[in-house]
């Protein structure tokens, strides 16, 4: 009986979550902001996913003040958006590697469903 309790306790101890989210952002200022929405280009590989898109953000965006959070099976990416500041259009390249796998990503309010490819 002691062995069963010991093995059960050890299995709970060793099955702790090793989840993570690694992200890296590259950005380039394109000019003035317009209201035209652009599609999101997704490239998947063994190291995660790469999202290429444009977004209107605060003119002084420095690439440091954005957040990446996990909520259930979704990843939420938010960028600063101050009402009083001047806006500029940026080309963004966001690399995300996450474990466990996520099924949805919300990029600055735009929701995308991630469907794994079948081999």
PDB file of N, CA and C in Angstrom:
ATOM      1  N   UNK A   1       0.819  -1.193   0.000  1.00  0.00           N
ATOM      2  CA  UNK A   1       0.000   0.000   0.000  1.00  0.00           C
ATOM      3  C   UNK A   1       0.863   1.257   0.000  1.00  0.00           C
ATOM      4  N   UNK A   2       1.955   1.241   0.760  1.00  0.00           N
ATOM      5  CA  UNK A   2       2.855   2.400   0.812  1.00  0.00           C
ATOM      6  C   UNK A   2       3.461   2.692  -0.548  1.00  0.00           C
ATOM      7  N   UNK A   3       3.782   1.630  -1.255  1.00  0.00           N
ATOM      8  CA  UNK A   3       4.387   1.816  -2.567  1.00  0.00           C
ATOM      9  C   UNK A   3       3.421   2.474  -3.544  1.00  0.00           C
ATOM     10  N   UNK A   4       2.162   2.100  -3.466  1.00  0.00           N
ATOM     11  CA  UNK A   4       1.165   2.695  -4.363  1.00  0.00           C
ATOM     12  C   UNK A   4       1.006   4.182  -4.064  1.00  0.00           C
ATOM     13  N   UNK A   5       0.949   4.547  -2.788  1.00  0.00           N
ATOM     14  CA  UNK A   5       0.835   5.958  -2.415  1.00  0.00           C
ATOM     15  C   UNK A   5       2.094   6.707  -2.839  1.00  0.00           C
ATOM     16  N   UNK A   6       3.267   6.107  -2.641  1.00  0.00           N
ATOM     17  CA  UNK A   6       4.526   6.735  -3.029  1.00  0.00           C
ATOM     18  C   UNK A   6       4.591   6.947  -4.537  1.00  0.00           C
ATOM     19  N   UNK A   7       4.212   5.950  -5.298  1.00  0.00           N
ATOM     20  CA  UNK A   7       4.248   6.060  -6.756  1.00  0.00           C
ATOM     21  C   UNK A   7       3.243   7.101  -7.236  1.00  0.00           C
ATOM     22  N   UNK A   8       2.070   7.143  -6.641  1.00  0.00           N
ATOM     23  CA  UNK A   8       1.066   8.138  -7.018  1.00  0.00           C
ATOM     24  C   UNK A   8       1.554   9.554  -6.724  1.00  0.00           C
ATOM     25  N   UNK A   9       2.142   9.740  -5.552  1.00  0.00           N
ATOM     26  CA  UNK A   9       2.679  11.069  -5.205  1.00  0.00           C
ATOM     27  C   UNK A   9       3.802  11.473  -6.145  1.00  0.00           C
ATOM     28  N   UNK A  10       4.678  10.548  -6.475  1.00  0.00           N
ATOM     29  CA  UNK A  10       5.780  10.853  -7.396  1.00  0.00           C
ATOM     30  C   UNK A  10       5.266  11.182  -8.790  1.00  0.00           C
ATOM     31  N   UNK A  11       4.238  10.478  -9.249  1.00  0.00           N
ATOM     32  CA  UNK A  11       3.711  10.764 -10.586  1.00  0.00           C
ATOM     33  C   UNK A  11       3.088  12.153 -10.639  1.00  0.00           C
ATOM     34  N   UNK A  12       2.408  12.584  -9.572  1.00  0.00           N
ATOM     35  CA  UNK A  12       1.880  13.949  -9.537  1.00  0.00           C
ATOM     36  C   UNK A  12       2.998  14.972  -9.484  1.00  0.00           C
ATOM     37  N   UNK A  13       4.047  14.673  -8.753  1.00  0.00           N
ATOM     38  CA  UNK A  13       5.165  15.598  -8.623  1.00  0.00           C
ATOM     39  C   UNK A  13       5.911  15.761  -9.947  1.00  0.00           C
ATOM     40  N   UNK A  14       6.132  14.663 -10.660  1.00  0.00           N
ATOM     41  CA  UNK A  14       6.908  14.720 -11.890  1.00  0.00           C
ATOM     42  C   UNK A  14       6.087  15.122 -13.116  1.00  0.00           C
ATOM     43  N   UNK A  15       4.769  15.215 -12.956  1.00  0.00           N
ATOM     44  CA  UNK A  15       3.944  15.609 -14.099  1.00  0.00           C
ATOM     45  C   UNK A  15       3.624  17.100 -14.066  1.00  0.00           C
ATOM     46  N   UNK A  16       4.439  17.875 -13.384  1.00  0.00           N
ATOM     47  CA  UNK A  16       4.226  19.318 -13.334  1.00  0.00           C
ATOM     48  C   UNK A  16       4.326  19.910 -14.740  1.00  0.00           C
ATOM     49  N   UNK A  17       3.650  20.998 -14.945  1.00  0.00           N
ATOM     50  CA  UNK A  17       3.586  21.631 -16.254  1.00  0.00           C
ATOM     51  C   UNK A  17       4.934  22.248 -16.630  1.00  0.00           C
ATOM     52  N   UNK A  18       5.324  22.059 -17.861  1.00  0.00           N
ATOM     53  CA  UNK A  18       6.524  22.706 -18.395  1.00  0.00           C
ATOM     54  C   UNK A  18       6.133  23.623 -19.551  1.00  0.00           C
ATOM     55  N   UNK A  19       4.998  24.297 -19.396  1.00  0.00           N
ATOM     56  CA  UNK A  19       4.511  25.168 -20.460  1.00  0.00           C
ATOM     57  C   UNK A  19       5.343  26.441 -20.555  1.00  0.00           C
ATOM     58  N   UNK A  20       5.391  27.005 -21.763  1.00  0.00           N
ATOM     59  CA  UNK A  20       6.165  28.225 -22.004  1.00  0.00           C
ATOM     60  C   UNK A  20       5.617  28.958 -23.214  1.00  0.00           C
ATOM     61  N   UNK A  21       5.962  30.234 -23.285  1.00  0.00           N
ATOM     62  CA  UNK A  21       5.701  31.051 -24.473  1.00  0.00           C
ATOM     63  C   UNK A  21       6.967  31.857 -24.740  1.00  0.00           C
ATOM     64  N   UNK A  22       7.607  31.590 -25.854  1.00  0.00           N
ATOM     65  CA  UNK A  22       8.756  32.387 -26.295  1.00  0.00           C
ATOM     66  C   UNK A  22       8.287  33.243 -27.468  1.00  0.00           C
ATOM     67  N   UNK A  23       8.644  34.510 -27.443  1.00  0.00           N
ATOM     68  CA  UNK A  23       8.224  35.394 -28.529  1.00  0.00           C
ATOM     69  C   UNK A  23       9.310  36.412 -28.827  1.00  0.00           C
ATOM     70  N   UNK A  24       9.344  36.809 -30.098  1.00  0.00           N
ATOM     71  CA  UNK A  24      10.302  37.812 -30.561  1.00  0.00           C
ATOM     72  C   UNK A  24       9.603  38.656 -31.614  1.00  0.00           C
ATOM     73  N   UNK A  25       9.767  39.972 -31.511  1.00  0.00           N
ATOM     74  CA  UNK A  25       9.087  40.890 -32.425  1.00  0.00           C
ATOM     75  C   UNK A  25      10.106  41.715 -33.188  1.00  0.00           C
ATOM     76  N   UNK A  26       9.917  41.782 -34.512  1.00  0.00           N
ATOM     77  CA  UNK A  26      10.674  42.699 -35.366  1.00  0.00           C
ATOM     78  C   UNK A  26       9.665  43.666 -35.955  1.00  0.00           C
ATOM     79  N   UNK A  27      10.018  44.930 -36.029  1.00  0.00           N
ATOM     80  CA  UNK A  27       9.071  45.921 -36.531  1.00  0.00           C
ATOM     81  C   UNK A  27       9.772  46.951 -37.389  1.00  0.00           C
ATOM     82  N   UNK A  28       8.979  47.540 -38.300  1.00  0.00           N
ATOM     83  CA  UNK A  28       9.484  48.576 -39.196  1.00  0.00           C
ATOM     84  C   UNK A  28       8.365  49.588 -39.415  1.00  0.00           C
ATOM     85  N   UNK A  29       8.680  50.849 -39.230  1.00  0.00           N
ATOM     86  CA  UNK A  29       7.687  51.904 -39.422  1.00  0.00           C
ATOM     87  C   UNK A  29       7.518  52.156 -40.919  1.00  0.00           C
ATOM     88  N   UNK A  30       6.256  52.127 -41.376  1.00  0.00           N
ATOM     89  CA  UNK A  30       5.980  52.300 -42.798  1.00  0.00           C
ATOM     90  C   UNK A  30       5.528  53.706 -43.149  1.00  0.00           C
ATOM     91  N   UNK A  31       4.916  54.411 -42.220  1.00  0.00           N
ATOM     92  CA  UNK A  31       4.426  55.762 -42.518  1.00  0.00           C
ATOM     93  C   UNK A  31       3.132  56.036 -41.793  1.00  0.00           C
ATOM     94  N   UNK A  32       2.313  56.877 -42.413  1.00  0.00           N
ATOM     95  CA  UNK A  32       1.056  57.263 -41.798  1.00  0.00           C
ATOM     96  C   UNK A  32       0.071  56.104 -41.781  1.00  0.00           C
ATOM     97  N   UNK A  33      -0.795  56.157 -40.800  1.00  0.00           N
ATOM     98  CA  UNK A  33      -1.792  55.109 -40.607  1.00  0.00           C
ATOM     99  C   UNK A  33      -3.002  55.350 -41.502  1.00  0.00           C
ATOM    100  N   UNK A  34      -3.489  54.272 -42.128  1.00  0.00           N
ATOM    101  CA  UNK A  34      -4.759  54.328 -42.833  1.00  0.00           C
ATOM    102  C   UNK A  34      -5.631  53.202 -42.288  1.00  0.00           C
ATOM    103  N   UNK A  35      -6.896  53.240 -42.560  1.00  0.00           N
ATOM    104  CA  UNK A  35      -7.822  52.275 -41.964  1.00  0.00           C
ATOM    105  C   UNK A  35      -7.912  50.968 -42.754  1.00  0.00           C
ATOM    106  N   UNK A  36      -7.094  50.798 -43.744  1.00  0.00           N
ATOM    107  CA  UNK A  36      -7.134  49.597 -44.567  1.00  0.00           C
ATOM    108  C   UNK A  36      -6.579  48.412 -43.780  1.00  0.00           C
ATOM    109  N   UNK A  37      -7.380  47.365 -43.645  1.00  0.00           N
ATOM    110  CA  UNK A  37      -6.945  46.158 -42.946  1.00  0.00           C
ATOM    111  C   UNK A  37      -6.082  45.313 -43.883  1.00  0.00           C
ATOM    112  N   UNK A  38      -5.078  44.676 -43.323  1.00  0.00           N
ATOM    113  CA  UNK A  38      -4.211  43.836 -44.142  1.00  0.00           C
ATOM    114  C   UNK A  38      -4.287  42.403 -43.632  1.00  0.00           C
ATOM    115  N   UNK A  39      -4.099  41.435 -44.531  1.00  0.00           N
ATOM    116  CA  UNK A  39      -4.146  40.037 -44.099  1.00  0.00           C
ATOM    117  C   UNK A  39      -2.913  39.676 -43.267  1.00  0.00           C
ATOM    118  N   UNK A  40      -3.051  38.621 -42.490  1.00  0.00           N
ATOM    119  CA  UNK A  40      -1.954  38.116 -41.667  1.00  0.00           C
ATOM    120  C   UNK A  40      -1.344  36.918 -42.387  1.00  0.00           C
ATOM    121  N   UNK A  41      -0.046  36.945 -42.582  1.00  0.00           N
ATOM    122  CA  UNK A  41       0.664  35.836 -43.222  1.00  0.00           C
ATOM    123  C   UNK A  41       1.230  34.961 -42.105  1.00  0.00           C
ATOM    124  N   UNK A  42       0.926  33.662 -42.146  1.00  0.00           N
ATOM    125  CA  UNK A  42       1.380  32.728 -41.118  1.00  0.00           C
ATOM    126  C   UNK A  42       2.339  31.723 -41.744  1.00  0.00           C
ATOM    127  N   UNK A  43       3.494  31.579 -41.119  1.00  0.00           N
ATOM    128  CA  UNK A  43       4.487  30.601 -41.554  1.00  0.00           C
ATOM    129  C   UNK A  43       4.787  29.703 -40.358  1.00  0.00           C
ATOM    130  N   UNK A  44       4.542  28.395 -40.510  1.00  0.00           N
ATOM    131  CA  UNK A  44       4.789  27.447 -39.424  1.00  0.00           C
ATOM    132  C   UNK A  44       6.024  26.617 -39.733  1.00  0.00           C
ATOM    133  N   UNK A  45       6.795  26.359 -38.688  1.00  0.00           N
ATOM    134  CA  UNK A  45       7.933  25.465 -38.816  1.00  0.00           C
ATOM    135  C   UNK A  45       8.157  24.758 -37.482  1.00  0.00           C
ATOM    136  N   UNK A  46       9.248  24.068 -37.349  1.00  0.00           N
ATOM    137  CA  UNK A  46       9.518  23.288 -36.149  1.00  0.00           C
ATOM    138  C   UNK A  46       9.734  24.167 -34.912  1.00  0.00           C
ATOM    139  N   UNK A  47      10.101  25.414 -35.107  1.00  0.00           N
ATOM    140  CA  UNK A  47      10.356  26.321 -33.986  1.00  0.00           C
ATOM    141  C   UNK A  47       9.154  27.178 -33.621  1.00  0.00           C
ATOM    142  N   UNK A  48       7.982  26.900 -34.152  1.00  0.00           N
ATOM    143  CA  UNK A  48       6.791  27.675 -33.830  1.00  0.00           C
ATOM    144  C   UNK A  48       6.195  28.309 -35.064  1.00  0.00           C
ATOM    145  N   UNK A  49       5.523  29.430 -34.853  1.00  0.00           N
ATOM    146  CA  UNK A  49       4.862  30.136 -35.942  1.00  0.00           C
ATOM    147  C   UNK A  49       5.396  31.553 -36.073  1.00  0.00           C
ATOM    148  N   UNK A  50       5.359  32.041 -37.307  1.00  0.00           N
ATOM    149  CA  UNK A  50       5.731  33.423 -37.599  1.00  0.00           C
ATOM    150  C   UNK A  50       4.515  34.103 -38.205  1.00  0.00           C
ATOM    151  N   UNK A  51       4.178  35.261 -37.641  1.00  0.00           N
ATOM    152  CA  UNK A  51       3.044  36.048 -38.105  1.00  0.00           C
ATOM    153  C   UNK A  51       3.579  37.350 -38.679  1.00  0.00           C
ATOM    154  N   UNK A  52       3.236  37.637 -39.927  1.00  0.00           N
ATOM    155  CA  UNK A  52       3.638  38.876 -40.585  1.00  0.00           C
ATOM    156  C   UNK A  52       2.376  39.667 -40.907  1.00  0.00           C
ATOM    157  N   UNK A  53       2.292  40.902 -40.378  1.00  0.00           N
ATOM    158  CA  UNK A  53       1.109  41.720 -40.572  1.00  0.00           C
ATOM    159  C   UNK A  53       1.461  43.181 -40.346  1.00  0.00           C
ATOM    160  N   UNK A  54       0.530  44.066 -40.702  1.00  0.00           N
ATOM    161  CA  UNK A  54       0.703  45.483 -40.444  1.00  0.00           C
ATOM    162  C   UNK A  54      -0.349  45.923 -39.439  1.00  0.00           C
ATOM    163  N   UNK A  55      -0.006  46.949 -38.658  1.00  0.00           N
ATOM    164  CA  UNK A  55      -0.920  47.446 -37.642  1.00  0.00           C
ATOM    165  C   UNK A  55      -0.673  48.928 -37.407  1.00  0.00           C
ATOM    166  N   UNK A  56      -1.734  49.653 -37.047  1.00  0.00           N
ATOM    167  CA  UNK A  56      -1.619  51.061 -36.672  1.00  0.00           C
ATOM    168  C   UNK A  56      -1.406  51.137 -35.167  1.00  0.00           C
ATOM    169  N   UNK A  57      -0.299  51.751 -34.780  1.00  0.00           N
ATOM    170  CA  UNK A  57       0.047  51.849 -33.365  1.00  0.00           C
ATOM    171  C   UNK A  57       0.545  53.249 -33.060  1.00  0.00           C
ATOM    172  N   UNK A  58       0.842  53.486 -31.799  1.00  0.00           N
ATOM    173  CA  UNK A  58       1.398  54.775 -31.391  1.00  0.00           C
ATOM    174  C   UNK A  58       2.663  55.056 -32.181  1.00  0.00           C
ATOM    175  N   UNK A  59       2.852  56.309 -32.559  1.00  0.00           N
ATOM    176  CA  UNK A  59       3.971  56.714 -33.401  1.00  0.00           C
ATOM    177  C   UNK A  59       5.333  56.388 -32.785  1.00  0.00           C
ATOM    178  N   UNK A  60       5.450  56.435 -31.486  1.00  0.00           N
ATOM    179  CA  UNK A  60       6.736  56.178 -30.834  1.00  0.00           C
ATOM    180  C   UNK A  60       6.914  54.752 -30.372  1.00  0.00           C
ATOM    181  N   UNK A  61       6.299  53.788 -31.045  1.00  0.00           N
ATOM    182  CA  UNK A  61       6.405  52.380 -30.639  1.00  0.00           C
ATOM    183  C   UNK A  61       7.859  51.948 -30.671  1.00  0.00           C
ATOM    184  N   UNK A  62       8.328  51.332 -29.564  1.00  0.00           N
ATOM    185  CA  UNK A  62       9.723  50.930 -29.466  1.00  0.00           C
ATOM    186  C   UNK A  62       9.931  49.416 -29.475  1.00  0.00           C
ATOM    187  N   UNK A  63       8.862  48.643 -29.604  1.00  0.00           N
ATOM    188  CA  UNK A  63       8.991  47.195 -29.669  1.00  0.00           C
ATOM    189  C   UNK A  63       9.073  46.520 -28.321  1.00  0.00           C
ATOM    190  N   UNK A  64       8.992  47.274 -27.235  1.00  0.00           N
ATOM    191  CA  UNK A  64       9.120  46.683 -25.907  1.00  0.00           C
ATOM    192  C   UNK A  64       7.820  46.657 -25.128  1.00  0.00           C
ATOM    193  N   UNK A  65       6.901  47.534 -25.435  1.00  0.00           N
ATOM    194  CA  UNK A  65       5.704  47.662 -24.608  1.00  0.00           C
ATOM    195  C   UNK A  65       4.488  46.967 -25.224  1.00  0.00           C
ATOM    196  N   UNK A  66       4.644  45.711 -25.592  1.00  0.00           N
ATOM    197  CA  UNK A  66       3.517  44.887 -26.038  1.00  0.00           C
ATOM    198  C   UNK A  66       3.451  43.682 -25.105  1.00  0.00           C
ATOM    199  N   UNK A  67       2.295  43.019 -25.054  1.00  0.00           N
ATOM    200  CA  UNK A  67       2.149  41.873 -24.153  1.00  0.00           C
ATOM    201  C   UNK A  67       1.708  40.635 -24.924  1.00  0.00           C
ATOM    202  N   UNK A  68       2.174  39.495 -24.452  1.00  0.00           N
ATOM    203  CA  UNK A  68       1.775  38.196 -24.987  1.00  0.00           C
ATOM    204  C   UNK A  68       1.337  37.359 -23.794  1.00  0.00           C
ATOM    205  N   UNK A  69       0.061  36.991 -23.763  1.00  0.00           N
ATOM    206  CA  UNK A  69      -0.505  36.227 -22.655  1.00  0.00           C
ATOM    207  C   UNK A  69      -1.218  34.998 -23.180  1.00  0.00           C
ATOM    208  N   UNK A  70      -1.292  33.978 -22.321  1.00  0.00           N
ATOM    209  CA  UNK A  70      -2.039  32.767 -22.644  1.00  0.00           C
ATOM    210  C   UNK A  70      -3.297  32.736 -21.786  1.00  0.00           C
ATOM    211  N   UNK A  71      -4.426  32.487 -22.439  1.00  0.00           N
ATOM    212  CA  UNK A  71      -5.713  32.292 -21.768  1.00  0.00           C
ATOM    213  C   UNK A  71      -6.317  31.013 -22.322  1.00  0.00           C
ATOM    214  N   UNK A  72      -6.222  29.931 -21.589  1.00  0.00           N
ATOM    215  CA  UNK A  72      -6.724  28.637 -22.055  1.00  0.00           C
ATOM    216  C   UNK A  72      -5.937  28.150 -23.249  1.00  0.00           C
ATOM    217  N   UNK A  73      -6.622  27.887 -24.358  1.00  0.00           N
ATOM    218  CA  UNK A  73      -5.916  27.437 -25.572  1.00  0.00           C
ATOM    219  C   UNK A  73      -5.705  28.583 -26.550  1.00  0.00           C
ATOM    220  N   UNK A  74      -5.720  29.825 -26.041  1.00  0.00           N
ATOM    221  CA  UNK A  74      -5.521  31.006 -26.885  1.00  0.00           C
ATOM    222  C   UNK A  74      -4.310  31.807 -26.426  1.00  0.00           C
ATOM    223  N   UNK A  75      -3.685  32.468 -27.375  1.00  0.00           N
ATOM    224  CA  UNK A  75      -2.613  33.421 -27.072  1.00  0.00           C
ATOM    225  C   UNK A  75      -3.127  34.792 -27.481  1.00  0.00           C
ATOM    226  N   UNK A  76      -3.000  35.750 -26.572  1.00  0.00           N
ATOM    227  CA  UNK A  76      -3.493  37.102 -26.815  1.00  0.00           C
ATOM    228  C   UNK A  76      -2.307  38.051 -26.883  1.00  0.00           C
ATOM    229  N   UNK A  77      -2.167  38.739 -28.017  1.00  0.00           N
ATOM    230  CA  UNK A  77      -1.091  39.702 -28.229  1.00  0.00           C
ATOM    231  C   UNK A  77      -1.726  41.087 -28.315  1.00  0.00           C
ATOM    232  N   UNK A  78      -1.295  41.979 -27.432  1.00  0.00           N
ATOM    233  CA  UNK A  78      -1.837  43.345 -27.441  1.00  0.00           C
ATOM    234  C   UNK A  78      -0.699  44.344 -27.598  1.00  0.00           C
ATOM    235  N   UNK A  79      -0.980  45.394 -28.339  1.00  0.00           N
ATOM    236  CA  UNK A  79      -0.023  46.458 -28.579  1.00  0.00           C
ATOM    237  C   UNK A  79      -0.563  47.748 -27.968  1.00  0.00           C
ATOM    238  N   UNK A  80       0.313  48.683 -27.617  1.00  0.00           N
ATOM    239  CA  UNK A  80      -0.163  49.936 -27.014  1.00  0.00           C
ATOM    240  C   UNK A  80      -1.001  50.736 -28.000  1.00  0.00           C
ATOM    241  N   UNK A  81      -2.069  51.322 -27.488  1.00  0.00           N
ATOM    242  CA  UNK A  81      -2.958  52.101 -28.340  1.00  0.00           C
ATOM    243  C   UNK A  81      -3.502  53.263 -27.512  1.00  0.00           C
ATOM    244  N   UNK A  82      -2.778  54.366 -27.487  1.00  0.00           N
ATOM    245  CA  UNK A  82      -3.184  55.538 -26.743  1.00  0.00           C
ATOM    246  C   UNK A  82      -4.028  56.436 -27.638  1.00  0.00           C
ATOM    247  N   UNK A  83      -5.160  56.864 -27.135  1.00  0.00           N
ATOM    248  CA  UNK A  83      -6.097  57.655 -27.944  1.00  0.00           C
ATOM    249  C   UNK A  83      -5.497  59.002 -28.347  1.00  0.00           C
ATOM    250  N   UNK A  84      -4.790  59.652 -27.439  1.00  0.00           N
ATOM    251  CA  UNK A  84      -4.308  61.015 -27.691  1.00  0.00           C
ATOM    252  C   UNK A  84      -3.050  61.076 -28.563  1.00  0.00           C
ATOM    253  N   UNK A  85      -2.364  59.950 -28.756  1.00  0.00           N
ATOM    254  CA  UNK A  85      -1.109  59.977 -29.511  1.00  0.00           C
ATOM    255  C   UNK A  85      -1.347  59.818 -31.005  1.00  0.00           C
ATOM    256  N   UNK A  86      -0.406  60.341 -31.780  1.00  0.00           N
ATOM    257  CA  UNK A  86      -0.429  60.200 -33.231  1.00  0.00           C
ATOM    258  C   UNK A  86      -0.153  58.740 -33.586  1.00  0.00           C
ATOM    259  N   UNK A  87      -0.821  58.249 -34.624  1.00  0.00           N
ATOM    260  CA  UNK A  87      -0.686  56.852 -35.044  1.00  0.00           C
ATOM    261  C   UNK A  87       0.208  56.741 -36.266  1.00  0.00           C
ATOM    262  N   UNK A  88       0.892  55.604 -36.357  1.00  0.00           N
ATOM    263  CA  UNK A  88       1.724  55.290 -37.515  1.00  0.00           C
ATOM    264  C   UNK A  88       1.500  53.826 -37.881  1.00  0.00           C
ATOM    265  N   UNK A  89       1.739  53.503 -39.133  1.00  0.00           N
ATOM    266  CA  UNK A  89       1.573  52.122 -39.617  1.00  0.00           C
ATOM    267  C   UNK A  89       2.909  51.404 -39.501  1.00  0.00           C
ATOM    268  N   UNK A  90       2.877  50.214 -38.924  1.00  0.00           N
ATOM    269  CA  UNK A  90       4.077  49.410 -38.723  1.00  0.00           C
ATOM    270  C   UNK A  90       3.918  48.056 -39.393  1.00  0.00           C
ATOM    271  N   UNK A  91       4.997  47.566 -39.978  1.00  0.00           N
ATOM    272  CA  UNK A  91       5.076  46.198 -40.459  1.00  0.00           C
ATOM    273  C   UNK A  91       5.654  45.379 -39.312  1.00  0.00           C
ATOM    274  N   UNK A  92       4.942  44.340 -38.872  1.00  0.00           N
ATOM    275  CA  UNK A  92       5.346  43.553 -37.720  1.00  0.00           C
ATOM    276  C   UNK A  92       5.599  42.111 -38.123  1.00  0.00           C
ATOM    277  N   UNK A  93       6.656  41.537 -37.575  1.00  0.00           N
ATOM    278  CA  UNK A  93       6.965  40.118 -37.735  1.00  0.00           C
ATOM    279  C   UNK A  93       7.099  39.556 -36.326  1.00  0.00           C
ATOM    280  N   UNK A  94       6.150  38.702 -35.931  1.00  0.00           N
ATOM    281  CA  UNK A  94       6.101  38.151 -34.588  1.00  0.00           C
ATOM    282  C   UNK A  94       6.339  36.649 -34.646  1.00  0.00           C
ATOM    283  N   UNK A  95       7.395  36.197 -33.970  1.00  0.00           N
ATOM    284  CA  UNK A  95       7.699  34.767 -33.864  1.00  0.00           C
ATOM    285  C   UNK A  95       7.215  34.285 -32.503  1.00  0.00           C
ATOM    286  N   UNK A  96       6.421  33.212 -32.494  1.00  0.00           N
ATOM    287  CA  UNK A  96       5.907  32.644 -31.249  1.00  0.00           C
ATOM    288  C   UNK A  96       6.165  31.151 -31.240  1.00  0.00           C
ATOM    289  N   UNK A  97       6.741  30.683 -30.134  1.00  0.00           N
ATOM    290  CA  UNK A  97       6.924  29.261 -29.873  1.00  0.00           C
ATOM    291  C   UNK A  97       6.290  28.999 -28.515  1.00  0.00           C
ATOM    292  N   UNK A  98       5.297  28.133 -28.465  1.00  0.00           N
ATOM    293  CA  UNK A  98       4.564  27.909 -27.218  1.00  0.00           C
ATOM    294  C   UNK A  98       4.301  26.430 -27.001  1.00  0.00           C
ATOM    295  N   UNK A  99       4.295  26.053 -25.733  1.00  0.00           N
ATOM    296  CA  UNK A  99       3.936  24.706 -25.334  1.00  0.00           C
ATOM    297  C   UNK A  99       3.022  24.833 -24.144  1.00  0.00           C
ATOM    298  N   UNK A 100       1.903  24.207 -24.066  1.00  0.00           N
ATOM    299  CA  UNK A 100       1.301  23.314 -25.046  1.00  0.00           C
ATOM    300  C   UNK A 100       0.778  24.088 -26.255  1.00  0.00           C
ATOM    301  N   UNK A 101       0.432  23.350 -27.279  1.00  0.00           N
ATOM    302  CA  UNK A 101      -0.029  23.932 -28.529  1.00  0.00           C
ATOM    303  C   UNK A 101      -1.270  24.784 -28.294  1.00  0.00           C
ATOM    304  N   UNK A 102      -1.380  25.863 -29.016  1.00  0.00           N
ATOM    305  CA  UNK A 102      -2.544  26.747 -28.909  1.00  0.00           C
ATOM    306  C   UNK A 102      -3.370  26.650 -30.185  1.00  0.00           C
ATOM    307  N   UNK A 103      -4.679  26.900 -30.057  1.00  0.00           N
ATOM    308  CA  UNK A 103      -5.600  26.776 -31.192  1.00  0.00           C
ATOM    309  C   UNK A 103      -6.065  28.116 -31.736  1.00  0.00           C
ATOM    310  N   UNK A 104      -5.895  29.187 -30.957  1.00  0.00           N
ATOM    311  CA  UNK A 104      -6.336  30.520 -31.381  1.00  0.00           C
ATOM    312  C   UNK A 104      -5.271  31.534 -30.980  1.00  0.00           C
ATOM    313  N   UNK A 105      -5.158  32.564 -31.790  1.00  0.00           N
ATOM    314  CA  UNK A 105      -4.299  33.686 -31.439  1.00  0.00           C
ATOM    315  C   UNK A 105      -5.064  34.959 -31.773  1.00  0.00           C
ATOM    316  N   UNK A 106      -4.989  35.912 -30.876  1.00  0.00           N
ATOM    317  CA  UNK A 106      -5.645  37.202 -31.084  1.00  0.00           C
ATOM    318  C   UNK A 106      -4.537  38.238 -31.219  1.00  0.00           C
ATOM    319  N   UNK A 107      -4.370  38.761 -32.426  1.00  0.00           N
ATOM    320  CA  UNK A 107      -3.344  39.748 -32.728  1.00  0.00           C
ATOM    321  C   UNK A 107      -3.976  41.126 -32.755  1.00  0.00           C
ATOM    322  N   UNK A 108      -3.821  41.841 -31.691  1.00  0.00           N
ATOM    323  CA  UNK A 108      -4.326  43.214 -31.594  1.00  0.00           C
ATOM    324  C   UNK A 108      -5.814  43.299 -31.956  1.00  0.00           C
ATOM    325  N   UNK A 109      -6.601  42.362 -31.418  1.00  0.00           N
ATOM    326  CA  UNK A 109      -8.039  42.355 -31.633  1.00  0.00           C
ATOM    327  C   UNK A 109      -8.516  41.495 -32.782  1.00  0.00           C
ATOM    328  N   UNK A 110      -7.629  40.996 -33.619  1.00  0.00           N
ATOM    329  CA  UNK A 110      -8.000  40.164 -34.764  1.00  0.00           C
ATOM    330  C   UNK A 110      -7.761  38.701 -34.406  1.00  0.00           C
ATOM    331  N   UNK A 111      -8.831  37.912 -34.347  1.00  0.00           N
ATOM    332  CA  UNK A 111      -8.715  36.506 -33.948  1.00  0.00           C
ATOM    333  C   UNK A 111      -8.427  35.610 -35.140  1.00  0.00           C
ATOM    334  N   UNK A 112      -7.455  34.705 -34.954  1.00  0.00           N
ATOM    335  CA  UNK A 112      -7.096  33.725 -35.976  1.00  0.00           C
ATOM    336  C   UNK A 112      -7.183  32.339 -35.360  1.00  0.00           C
ATOM    337  N   UNK A 113      -7.707  31.371 -36.113  1.00  0.00           N
ATOM    338  CA  UNK A 113      -7.756  29.998 -35.664  1.00  0.00           C
ATOM    339  C   UNK A 113      -6.584  29.258 -36.292  1.00  0.00           C
ATOM    340  N   UNK A 114      -5.836  28.565 -35.448  1.00  0.00           N
ATOM    341  CA  UNK A 114      -4.660  27.824 -35.908  1.00  0.00           C
ATOM    342  C   UNK A 114      -5.057  26.364 -36.081  1.00  0.00           C
ATOM    343  N   UNK A 115      -4.930  25.867 -37.304  1.00  0.00           N
ATOM    344  CA  UNK A 115      -5.275  24.485 -37.605  1.00  0.00           C
ATOM    345  C   UNK A 115      -3.984  23.761 -37.986  1.00  0.00           C
ATOM    346  N   UNK A 116      -3.609  22.710 -37.221  1.00  0.00           N
ATOM    347  CA  UNK A 116      -2.381  22.001 -37.569  1.00  0.00           C
ATOM    348  C   UNK A 116      -2.545  21.255 -38.899  1.00  0.00           C
ATOM    349  N   UNK A 117      -1.476  21.206 -39.661  1.00  0.00           N
ATOM    350  CA  UNK A 117      -1.539  20.526 -40.950  1.00  0.00           C
ATOM    351  C   UNK A 117      -1.465  19.011 -40.747  1.00  0.00           C
ATOM    352  N   UNK A 118      -2.100  18.300 -41.633  1.00  0.00           N
ATOM    353  CA  UNK A 118      -2.056  16.845 -41.575  1.00  0.00           C
ATOM    354  C   UNK A 118      -0.959  16.347 -42.472  1.00  0.00           C
ATOM    355  N   UNK A 119      -0.253  15.368 -42.002  1.00  0.00           N
ATOM    356  CA  UNK A 119       0.878  14.849 -42.779  1.00  0.00           C
ATOM    357  C   UNK A 119       0.550  13.542 -43.404  1.00  0.00           C
TER     358      UNK A 119
END
